[in-house]
N, C-alpha and C. Protein backbone atom coordinates (compact mmCIF):
# COMPACT_ATOMS: atom_id res chain seq x y z
N MET A 1 9.94 21.89 -3.78
CA MET A 1 9.94 20.68 -2.98
C MET A 1 10.70 19.59 -3.74
N GLN A 2 11.43 18.78 -3.00
CA GLN A 2 12.19 17.69 -3.60
C GLN A 2 11.77 16.36 -2.98
N PHE A 3 11.61 15.37 -3.83
CA PHE A 3 11.21 14.03 -3.42
C PHE A 3 11.97 13.01 -4.25
N THR A 4 11.90 11.78 -3.83
CA THR A 4 12.27 10.66 -4.69
C THR A 4 10.97 9.90 -4.92
N ILE A 5 10.49 9.93 -6.13
CA ILE A 5 9.21 9.29 -6.44
C ILE A 5 9.45 8.17 -7.43
N ASN A 6 9.08 6.98 -7.01
CA ASN A 6 9.29 5.77 -7.82
C ASN A 6 10.75 5.67 -8.26
N ASP A 7 11.65 5.88 -7.30
CA ASP A 7 13.10 5.78 -7.47
C ASP A 7 13.71 6.84 -8.39
N ARG A 8 12.98 7.92 -8.62
CA ARG A 8 13.50 9.01 -9.45
C ARG A 8 13.45 10.32 -8.66
N PRO A 9 14.53 11.10 -8.69
CA PRO A 9 14.49 12.40 -8.02
C PRO A 9 13.52 13.34 -8.74
N VAL A 10 12.73 14.06 -7.94
CA VAL A 10 11.73 14.96 -8.50
C VAL A 10 11.81 16.28 -7.73
N GLU A 11 11.79 17.36 -8.47
CA GLU A 11 11.71 18.68 -7.87
C GLU A 11 10.50 19.38 -8.48
N VAL A 12 9.65 19.94 -7.63
CA VAL A 12 8.42 20.55 -8.11
C VAL A 12 8.07 21.76 -7.24
N GLU A 13 7.49 22.75 -7.86
CA GLU A 13 6.97 23.90 -7.12
C GLU A 13 5.47 23.71 -6.98
N ALA A 14 5.00 23.81 -5.75
CA ALA A 14 3.56 23.67 -5.51
C ALA A 14 3.23 24.44 -4.23
N ASP A 15 2.01 24.85 -4.14
CA ASP A 15 1.51 25.52 -2.94
C ASP A 15 1.71 24.59 -1.75
N VAL A 16 2.12 25.13 -0.61
CA VAL A 16 2.36 24.29 0.57
C VAL A 16 1.09 23.63 1.09
N ARG A 17 -0.06 24.06 0.62
CA ARG A 17 -1.34 23.46 1.03
C ARG A 17 -1.74 22.29 0.14
N THR A 18 -0.92 21.94 -0.84
CA THR A 18 -1.22 20.86 -1.78
C THR A 18 -1.07 19.51 -1.09
N SER A 19 -2.09 18.69 -1.23
CA SER A 19 -2.00 17.33 -0.67
C SER A 19 -1.01 16.51 -1.49
N LEU A 20 -0.47 15.49 -0.87
CA LEU A 20 0.43 14.59 -1.59
C LEU A 20 -0.30 13.96 -2.76
N LEU A 21 -1.56 13.60 -2.58
CA LEU A 21 -2.34 12.99 -3.67
C LEU A 21 -2.46 13.95 -4.85
N ASP A 22 -2.80 15.21 -4.58
CA ASP A 22 -2.94 16.19 -5.67
C ASP A 22 -1.60 16.47 -6.33
N LEU A 23 -0.52 16.47 -5.56
CA LEU A 23 0.81 16.66 -6.14
C LEU A 23 1.10 15.53 -7.13
N LEU A 24 0.85 14.30 -6.69
CA LEU A 24 1.13 13.14 -7.56
C LEU A 24 0.28 13.16 -8.82
N ARG A 25 -1.01 13.37 -8.66
CA ARG A 25 -1.93 13.28 -9.80
C ARG A 25 -1.88 14.52 -10.69
N ASP A 26 -1.99 15.70 -10.08
CA ASP A 26 -2.19 16.92 -10.86
C ASP A 26 -0.88 17.60 -11.28
N HIS A 27 0.15 17.49 -10.46
CA HIS A 27 1.40 18.18 -10.77
C HIS A 27 2.43 17.26 -11.43
N LEU A 28 2.37 15.97 -11.12
CA LEU A 28 3.40 15.06 -11.62
C LEU A 28 2.88 14.03 -12.64
N GLY A 29 1.59 14.06 -12.93
CA GLY A 29 1.03 13.18 -13.94
C GLY A 29 1.07 11.71 -13.58
N LEU A 30 0.91 11.38 -12.28
CA LEU A 30 0.86 9.99 -11.84
C LEU A 30 -0.57 9.69 -11.38
N PRO A 31 -1.43 9.26 -12.29
CA PRO A 31 -2.85 9.11 -11.98
C PRO A 31 -3.23 7.80 -11.29
N GLY A 32 -2.27 6.94 -11.00
CA GLY A 32 -2.60 5.64 -10.41
C GLY A 32 -3.30 5.76 -9.08
N SER A 33 -2.79 6.57 -8.18
CA SER A 33 -3.43 6.76 -6.87
C SER A 33 -4.72 7.52 -7.10
N LYS A 34 -5.79 7.01 -6.53
CA LYS A 34 -7.11 7.56 -6.81
C LYS A 34 -7.62 8.43 -5.67
N LYS A 35 -8.44 9.41 -6.04
CA LYS A 35 -9.13 10.23 -5.05
C LYS A 35 -10.52 9.64 -4.88
N GLY A 36 -10.68 8.87 -3.82
CA GLY A 36 -11.97 8.22 -3.55
C GLY A 36 -12.84 9.10 -2.69
N CYS A 37 -12.61 9.05 -1.39
CA CYS A 37 -13.43 9.80 -0.45
C CYS A 37 -12.82 11.15 -0.09
N ASN A 38 -11.52 11.31 -0.28
CA ASN A 38 -10.77 12.51 0.09
C ASN A 38 -10.86 12.79 1.59
N GLN A 39 -11.10 11.75 2.38
CA GLN A 39 -11.21 11.86 3.84
C GLN A 39 -10.41 10.79 4.56
N GLY A 40 -9.65 9.99 3.83
CA GLY A 40 -8.83 8.95 4.45
C GLY A 40 -9.59 7.72 4.88
N ALA A 41 -10.79 7.53 4.38
CA ALA A 41 -11.62 6.41 4.83
C ALA A 41 -11.63 5.23 3.87
N CYS A 42 -11.25 5.42 2.60
CA CYS A 42 -11.43 4.34 1.64
C CYS A 42 -10.13 3.65 1.21
N GLY A 43 -8.99 4.33 1.33
CA GLY A 43 -7.70 3.72 0.98
C GLY A 43 -7.35 3.75 -0.49
N ALA A 44 -8.19 4.34 -1.34
CA ALA A 44 -7.89 4.37 -2.77
C ALA A 44 -6.64 5.18 -3.09
N CYS A 45 -6.26 6.07 -2.19
CA CYS A 45 -5.10 6.95 -2.42
C CYS A 45 -3.83 6.43 -1.75
N THR A 46 -3.83 5.23 -1.23
CA THR A 46 -2.69 4.70 -0.49
C THR A 46 -1.43 4.67 -1.34
N VAL A 47 -0.36 5.24 -0.79
CA VAL A 47 0.97 5.20 -1.39
C VAL A 47 1.95 4.79 -0.30
N LEU A 48 3.17 4.50 -0.68
CA LEU A 48 4.20 4.13 0.28
C LEU A 48 5.17 5.28 0.45
N VAL A 49 5.45 5.62 1.68
CA VAL A 49 6.48 6.62 1.99
C VAL A 49 7.52 5.91 2.84
N ASP A 50 8.72 5.79 2.28
CA ASP A 50 9.79 5.02 2.92
C ASP A 50 9.30 3.63 3.33
N GLY A 51 8.46 3.04 2.48
CA GLY A 51 7.95 1.69 2.69
C GLY A 51 6.73 1.58 3.58
N GLU A 52 6.30 2.67 4.19
CA GLU A 52 5.12 2.67 5.06
C GLU A 52 3.92 3.20 4.27
N ARG A 53 2.76 2.61 4.50
CA ARG A 53 1.57 3.06 3.78
C ARG A 53 0.95 4.27 4.46
N ILE A 54 0.52 5.21 3.62
CA ILE A 54 -0.19 6.38 4.11
C ILE A 54 -1.33 6.69 3.15
N ASN A 55 -2.31 7.44 3.64
CA ASN A 55 -3.38 7.95 2.80
C ASN A 55 -2.91 9.29 2.25
N ALA A 56 -2.61 9.34 0.97
CA ALA A 56 -2.04 10.54 0.36
C ALA A 56 -3.02 11.71 0.35
N CYS A 57 -4.31 11.43 0.44
CA CYS A 57 -5.29 12.53 0.44
C CYS A 57 -5.24 13.33 1.73
N LEU A 58 -4.74 12.73 2.81
CA LEU A 58 -4.68 13.41 4.11
C LEU A 58 -3.32 14.04 4.40
N ALA A 59 -2.36 13.80 3.53
CA ALA A 59 -0.98 14.25 3.77
C ALA A 59 -0.66 15.47 2.92
N LEU A 60 -0.06 16.46 3.54
CA LEU A 60 0.43 17.59 2.77
C LEU A 60 1.75 17.18 2.12
N ALA A 61 1.91 17.50 0.86
CA ALA A 61 3.12 17.12 0.15
C ALA A 61 4.36 17.67 0.84
N VAL A 62 4.27 18.87 1.34
CA VAL A 62 5.42 19.52 1.97
C VAL A 62 5.96 18.71 3.16
N GLN A 63 5.12 17.92 3.81
CA GLN A 63 5.54 17.09 4.94
C GLN A 63 6.49 15.98 4.52
N TYR A 64 6.48 15.62 3.26
CA TYR A 64 7.22 14.45 2.80
C TYR A 64 8.41 14.81 1.91
N GLN A 65 8.85 16.06 1.97
CA GLN A 65 10.03 16.47 1.22
C GLN A 65 11.22 15.62 1.65
N GLY A 66 12.02 15.24 0.65
CA GLY A 66 13.22 14.47 0.92
C GLY A 66 12.97 13.00 1.19
N ARG A 67 11.73 12.57 1.13
CA ARG A 67 11.39 11.18 1.42
C ARG A 67 11.21 10.40 0.12
N SER A 68 11.23 9.08 0.25
CA SER A 68 11.05 8.19 -0.89
C SER A 68 9.59 7.77 -0.96
N ILE A 69 8.94 8.09 -2.06
CA ILE A 69 7.52 7.81 -2.25
C ILE A 69 7.37 6.81 -3.38
N THR A 70 6.57 5.78 -3.14
CA THR A 70 6.29 4.79 -4.18
C THR A 70 4.80 4.77 -4.43
N THR A 71 4.42 4.95 -5.69
CA THR A 71 3.03 4.85 -6.09
C THR A 71 2.85 3.51 -6.81
N VAL A 72 1.64 3.21 -7.20
CA VAL A 72 1.40 1.96 -7.91
C VAL A 72 2.22 1.89 -9.19
N GLU A 73 2.48 3.04 -9.81
CA GLU A 73 3.30 3.05 -11.02
C GLU A 73 4.73 2.59 -10.75
N GLY A 74 5.18 2.68 -9.51
CA GLY A 74 6.53 2.31 -9.15
C GLY A 74 6.68 0.89 -8.63
N LEU A 75 5.59 0.15 -8.52
CA LEU A 75 5.67 -1.23 -8.01
C LEU A 75 6.31 -2.18 -9.02
N SER A 76 6.00 -2.00 -10.28
CA SER A 76 6.58 -2.88 -11.29
C SER A 76 8.00 -2.41 -11.60
N GLY A 77 8.78 -3.29 -12.12
CA GLY A 77 10.17 -2.96 -12.44
C GLY A 77 10.52 -3.35 -13.85
N ALA A 78 11.81 -3.35 -14.13
CA ALA A 78 12.29 -3.70 -15.46
C ALA A 78 11.90 -5.13 -15.84
N GLU A 79 11.77 -5.99 -14.84
CA GLU A 79 11.41 -7.39 -15.10
C GLU A 79 9.91 -7.59 -15.31
N GLY A 80 9.13 -6.53 -15.16
CA GLY A 80 7.69 -6.63 -15.40
C GLY A 80 6.88 -6.32 -14.17
N LEU A 81 5.68 -6.83 -14.14
CA LEU A 81 4.77 -6.56 -13.03
C LEU A 81 5.31 -7.11 -11.71
N HIS A 82 4.94 -6.45 -10.64
CA HIS A 82 5.22 -6.94 -9.29
C HIS A 82 4.45 -8.26 -9.13
N PRO A 83 4.97 -9.22 -8.38
CA PRO A 83 4.26 -10.50 -8.20
C PRO A 83 2.82 -10.32 -7.71
N LEU A 84 2.58 -9.31 -6.88
CA LEU A 84 1.21 -9.08 -6.41
C LEU A 84 0.32 -8.59 -7.54
N GLN A 85 0.84 -7.77 -8.41
CA GLN A 85 0.06 -7.31 -9.56
C GLN A 85 -0.34 -8.50 -10.44
N ARG A 86 0.60 -9.41 -10.66
CA ARG A 86 0.29 -10.62 -11.45
C ARG A 86 -0.78 -11.46 -10.73
N ALA A 87 -0.66 -11.58 -9.41
CA ALA A 87 -1.64 -12.37 -8.65
C ALA A 87 -3.02 -11.73 -8.70
N PHE A 88 -3.10 -10.40 -8.68
CA PHE A 88 -4.40 -9.72 -8.79
C PHE A 88 -5.06 -10.09 -10.12
N ILE A 89 -4.27 -10.14 -11.17
CA ILE A 89 -4.81 -10.51 -12.48
C ILE A 89 -5.28 -11.96 -12.48
N GLU A 90 -4.45 -12.85 -11.96
CA GLU A 90 -4.78 -14.29 -11.94
C GLU A 90 -6.00 -14.61 -11.09
N HIS A 91 -6.22 -13.85 -10.00
CA HIS A 91 -7.31 -14.14 -9.07
C HIS A 91 -8.49 -13.18 -9.23
N ASP A 92 -8.53 -12.42 -10.30
CA ASP A 92 -9.59 -11.43 -10.50
C ASP A 92 -9.77 -10.57 -9.26
N GLY A 93 -8.66 -9.99 -8.79
CA GLY A 93 -8.68 -9.16 -7.60
C GLY A 93 -9.15 -7.75 -7.84
N PHE A 94 -9.84 -7.53 -8.93
CA PHE A 94 -10.38 -6.22 -9.23
C PHE A 94 -11.57 -6.38 -10.15
N GLN A 95 -12.47 -5.42 -10.10
CA GLN A 95 -13.55 -5.38 -11.08
C GLN A 95 -13.46 -4.06 -11.82
N CYS A 96 -13.83 -2.97 -11.18
CA CYS A 96 -13.70 -1.68 -11.87
C CYS A 96 -12.26 -1.19 -11.83
N GLY A 97 -11.48 -1.64 -10.87
CA GLY A 97 -10.07 -1.28 -10.77
C GLY A 97 -9.78 0.01 -10.02
N TYR A 98 -10.80 0.71 -9.58
CA TYR A 98 -10.58 2.01 -8.93
C TYR A 98 -9.79 1.88 -7.64
N CYS A 99 -10.08 0.88 -6.83
CA CYS A 99 -9.39 0.71 -5.55
C CYS A 99 -8.08 -0.05 -5.69
N THR A 100 -7.86 -0.66 -6.83
CA THR A 100 -6.72 -1.56 -7.00
C THR A 100 -5.37 -0.93 -6.69
N PRO A 101 -5.05 0.28 -7.15
CA PRO A 101 -3.74 0.85 -6.81
C PRO A 101 -3.52 0.96 -5.29
N GLY A 102 -4.54 1.42 -4.58
CA GLY A 102 -4.43 1.52 -3.13
C GLY A 102 -4.33 0.16 -2.46
N GLN A 103 -5.08 -0.80 -2.98
CA GLN A 103 -5.02 -2.16 -2.43
C GLN A 103 -3.61 -2.73 -2.61
N LEU A 104 -3.03 -2.54 -3.78
CA LEU A 104 -1.69 -3.06 -4.08
C LEU A 104 -0.64 -2.43 -3.17
N CYS A 105 -0.64 -1.11 -3.09
CA CYS A 105 0.35 -0.42 -2.24
C CYS A 105 0.17 -0.82 -0.78
N SER A 106 -1.07 -0.89 -0.33
CA SER A 106 -1.33 -1.26 1.05
C SER A 106 -0.85 -2.67 1.35
N ALA A 107 -1.10 -3.60 0.44
CA ALA A 107 -0.70 -4.99 0.66
C ALA A 107 0.82 -5.14 0.68
N VAL A 108 1.52 -4.39 -0.17
CA VAL A 108 2.98 -4.45 -0.16
C VAL A 108 3.51 -3.95 1.19
N ALA A 109 2.96 -2.86 1.68
CA ALA A 109 3.39 -2.34 2.99
C ALA A 109 3.00 -3.30 4.12
N MET A 110 1.82 -3.90 4.01
CA MET A 110 1.35 -4.85 5.02
C MET A 110 2.30 -6.03 5.12
N ALA A 111 2.78 -6.51 4.00
CA ALA A 111 3.73 -7.62 4.01
C ALA A 111 5.01 -7.22 4.74
N GLY A 112 5.43 -5.99 4.56
CA GLY A 112 6.60 -5.49 5.27
C GLY A 112 6.36 -5.40 6.77
N GLU A 113 5.16 -5.02 7.17
CA GLU A 113 4.82 -4.96 8.59
C GLU A 113 4.88 -6.36 9.21
N VAL A 114 4.32 -7.33 8.51
CA VAL A 114 4.34 -8.70 9.00
C VAL A 114 5.78 -9.21 9.09
N GLU A 115 6.55 -8.90 8.06
CA GLU A 115 7.94 -9.33 8.03
C GLU A 115 8.75 -8.75 9.20
N ARG A 116 8.41 -7.51 9.58
CA ARG A 116 9.09 -6.88 10.72
C ARG A 116 8.51 -7.29 12.06
N GLY A 117 7.45 -8.10 12.03
CA GLY A 117 6.86 -8.61 13.27
C GLY A 117 5.94 -7.64 13.98
N ILE A 118 5.38 -6.70 13.26
CA ILE A 118 4.45 -5.74 13.85
C ILE A 118 3.09 -6.40 13.99
N PRO A 119 2.57 -6.54 15.21
CA PRO A 119 1.28 -7.22 15.39
C PRO A 119 0.11 -6.34 14.95
N SER A 120 -1.01 -6.98 14.70
CA SER A 120 -2.25 -6.26 14.39
C SER A 120 -3.20 -6.46 15.56
N HIS A 121 -4.39 -5.92 15.41
CA HIS A 121 -5.42 -6.07 16.45
C HIS A 121 -5.80 -7.54 16.69
N VAL A 122 -5.69 -8.37 15.67
CA VAL A 122 -6.10 -9.77 15.80
C VAL A 122 -4.94 -10.74 15.96
N THR A 123 -3.71 -10.25 16.05
CA THR A 123 -2.57 -11.15 16.25
C THR A 123 -2.80 -11.90 17.55
N ALA A 124 -2.87 -13.22 17.47
CA ALA A 124 -3.26 -14.04 18.61
C ALA A 124 -2.21 -14.05 19.73
N ASP A 125 -0.96 -14.25 19.38
CA ASP A 125 0.08 -14.39 20.39
C ASP A 125 1.15 -13.33 20.17
N LEU A 126 1.15 -12.33 21.04
CA LEU A 126 2.09 -11.22 20.89
C LEU A 126 3.51 -11.60 21.27
N THR A 127 3.69 -12.75 21.90
CA THR A 127 5.04 -13.19 22.29
C THR A 127 5.62 -14.23 21.34
N ALA A 128 4.82 -14.65 20.37
CA ALA A 128 5.29 -15.68 19.43
C ALA A 128 6.42 -15.14 18.57
N GLY A 129 7.26 -16.02 18.11
CA GLY A 129 8.37 -15.64 17.25
C GLY A 129 7.97 -15.41 15.81
N THR A 130 6.74 -15.77 15.44
CA THR A 130 6.27 -15.59 14.07
C THR A 130 4.86 -15.04 14.07
N ILE A 131 4.54 -14.35 13.01
CA ILE A 131 3.17 -13.92 12.75
C ILE A 131 2.73 -14.63 11.49
N VAL A 132 1.69 -15.41 11.59
CA VAL A 132 1.17 -16.13 10.44
C VAL A 132 0.11 -15.26 9.77
N LEU A 133 0.28 -15.01 8.50
CA LEU A 133 -0.66 -14.19 7.75
C LEU A 133 -1.84 -15.06 7.32
N ASP A 134 -2.68 -15.41 8.29
CA ASP A 134 -3.85 -16.23 7.99
C ASP A 134 -5.00 -15.34 7.52
N HIS A 135 -6.14 -15.96 7.29
CA HIS A 135 -7.32 -15.27 6.75
C HIS A 135 -7.70 -14.05 7.59
N ASP A 136 -7.84 -14.22 8.91
CA ASP A 136 -8.26 -13.12 9.77
C ASP A 136 -7.20 -12.03 9.86
N GLU A 137 -5.95 -12.44 9.96
CA GLU A 137 -4.84 -11.48 10.06
C GLU A 137 -4.77 -10.63 8.79
N LEU A 138 -4.90 -11.27 7.65
CA LEU A 138 -4.84 -10.56 6.38
C LEU A 138 -6.00 -9.58 6.25
N ARG A 139 -7.18 -10.02 6.54
CA ARG A 139 -8.36 -9.14 6.41
C ARG A 139 -8.29 -7.96 7.37
N GLU A 140 -7.82 -8.18 8.58
CA GLU A 140 -7.67 -7.08 9.54
C GLU A 140 -6.67 -6.06 9.03
N ARG A 141 -5.56 -6.53 8.54
CA ARG A 141 -4.49 -5.62 8.09
C ARG A 141 -4.89 -4.85 6.84
N MET A 142 -5.81 -5.36 6.05
CA MET A 142 -6.25 -4.69 4.84
C MET A 142 -7.59 -3.95 5.03
N SER A 143 -8.07 -3.87 6.25
CA SER A 143 -9.40 -3.31 6.50
C SER A 143 -9.53 -1.83 6.17
N GLY A 144 -8.44 -1.11 6.00
CA GLY A 144 -8.51 0.30 5.64
C GLY A 144 -8.67 0.55 4.16
N ASN A 145 -8.76 -0.51 3.37
CA ASN A 145 -8.92 -0.38 1.92
C ASN A 145 -10.26 -0.99 1.52
N LEU A 146 -11.13 -0.15 1.01
CA LEU A 146 -12.47 -0.59 0.62
C LEU A 146 -12.56 -0.86 -0.87
N CYS A 147 -13.39 -1.84 -1.21
CA CYS A 147 -13.69 -2.16 -2.60
C CYS A 147 -15.20 -2.12 -2.75
N ARG A 148 -15.68 -1.14 -3.45
CA ARG A 148 -17.13 -1.00 -3.60
C ARG A 148 -17.72 -2.05 -4.53
N CYS A 149 -16.89 -2.68 -5.35
CA CYS A 149 -17.37 -3.74 -6.25
C CYS A 149 -17.51 -5.08 -5.53
N GLY A 150 -16.85 -5.23 -4.41
CA GLY A 150 -16.93 -6.49 -3.68
C GLY A 150 -15.99 -7.56 -4.19
N ALA A 151 -14.82 -7.17 -4.67
CA ALA A 151 -13.85 -8.14 -5.19
C ALA A 151 -12.95 -8.68 -4.10
N TYR A 152 -13.41 -8.65 -2.86
CA TYR A 152 -12.57 -9.03 -1.73
C TYR A 152 -12.02 -10.45 -1.80
N ASN A 153 -12.80 -11.39 -2.27
CA ASN A 153 -12.30 -12.77 -2.33
C ASN A 153 -11.09 -12.88 -3.24
N GLY A 154 -11.13 -12.24 -4.38
CA GLY A 154 -9.98 -12.25 -5.29
C GLY A 154 -8.80 -11.48 -4.72
N ILE A 155 -9.08 -10.37 -4.04
CA ILE A 155 -8.02 -9.56 -3.43
C ILE A 155 -7.31 -10.38 -2.35
N VAL A 156 -8.08 -11.00 -1.48
CA VAL A 156 -7.50 -11.81 -0.39
C VAL A 156 -6.72 -12.99 -0.97
N ALA A 157 -7.26 -13.64 -1.98
CA ALA A 157 -6.56 -14.79 -2.60
C ALA A 157 -5.24 -14.35 -3.21
N ALA A 158 -5.23 -13.20 -3.88
CA ALA A 158 -4.00 -12.70 -4.51
C ALA A 158 -2.95 -12.37 -3.45
N ILE A 159 -3.37 -11.70 -2.39
CA ILE A 159 -2.42 -11.33 -1.33
C ILE A 159 -1.90 -12.57 -0.63
N ALA A 160 -2.80 -13.48 -0.33
CA ALA A 160 -2.39 -14.71 0.36
C ALA A 160 -1.41 -15.51 -0.49
N GLU A 161 -1.68 -15.62 -1.78
CA GLU A 161 -0.77 -16.36 -2.66
C GLU A 161 0.61 -15.71 -2.70
N THR A 162 0.63 -14.40 -2.69
CA THR A 162 1.89 -13.67 -2.83
C THR A 162 2.69 -13.59 -1.54
N PHE A 163 2.00 -13.36 -0.42
CA PHE A 163 2.72 -13.05 0.82
C PHE A 163 2.56 -14.03 1.97
N ALA A 164 1.56 -14.90 1.92
CA ALA A 164 1.30 -15.76 3.07
C ALA A 164 2.13 -17.03 3.08
N ARG A 165 3.06 -17.15 2.19
CA ARG A 165 3.85 -18.38 2.10
C ARG A 165 4.75 -18.61 3.29
N GLN A 166 5.45 -17.57 3.73
CA GLN A 166 6.36 -17.78 4.85
C GLN A 166 5.99 -16.85 6.01
N PRO A 167 5.82 -17.40 7.21
CA PRO A 167 5.55 -16.56 8.37
C PRO A 167 6.77 -15.71 8.71
N ALA A 168 6.52 -14.58 9.31
CA ALA A 168 7.60 -13.65 9.65
C ALA A 168 8.25 -14.04 10.95
N GLN A 169 9.52 -13.77 11.05
CA GLN A 169 10.24 -13.96 12.30
C GLN A 169 10.16 -12.67 13.09
N ARG A 170 9.81 -12.79 14.36
CA ARG A 170 9.75 -11.62 15.23
C ARG A 170 10.92 -11.69 16.18
N GLU A 171 11.45 -10.52 16.50
CA GLU A 171 12.54 -10.49 17.47
C GLU A 171 11.97 -10.79 18.85
N GLN A 172 12.62 -11.67 19.55
CA GLN A 172 12.19 -12.02 20.90
C GLN A 172 12.64 -10.93 21.86
N ALA A 173 11.77 -10.57 22.78
CA ALA A 173 12.13 -9.58 23.81
C ALA A 173 13.19 -10.19 24.74
N ALA A 174 14.16 -9.38 25.08
CA ALA A 174 15.24 -9.87 25.93
C ALA A 174 14.85 -9.89 27.39
């Protein structure tokens, strides 16, 4: 199987029944994504595939051949931590840290969804030209990621500081 993982080409042999999460952790030595519930309910295993968030525990690795996968290890760059990672530190957006990788990946993808104008269940005006990432919108969009420690206030503050600065422009229907 061939992938691009964290901007690096990767070729690996694995059983076609191997989950993407197990491929990342057990075959490629990328332990950032966590195995929480192994049922897609907690979000600890969230990774980005071509910029979209998925639960890696529910995905077969073979389904994502040839795709670009970003794990929490790939969020930071040569210039250092991703701005959201710095904000998590500044706002105490973690306690035990187990859910943090999934929270970070999910929030990065969520910001992309808002930027593209994709509404959520609580988006008030579906015809508006912008989506404002307010308190309710942010919490709804992050609802698939659980934190058993209860660090939600710090998580929300970090995400809001990083991404809620500018509302997204939505394409107007013709």
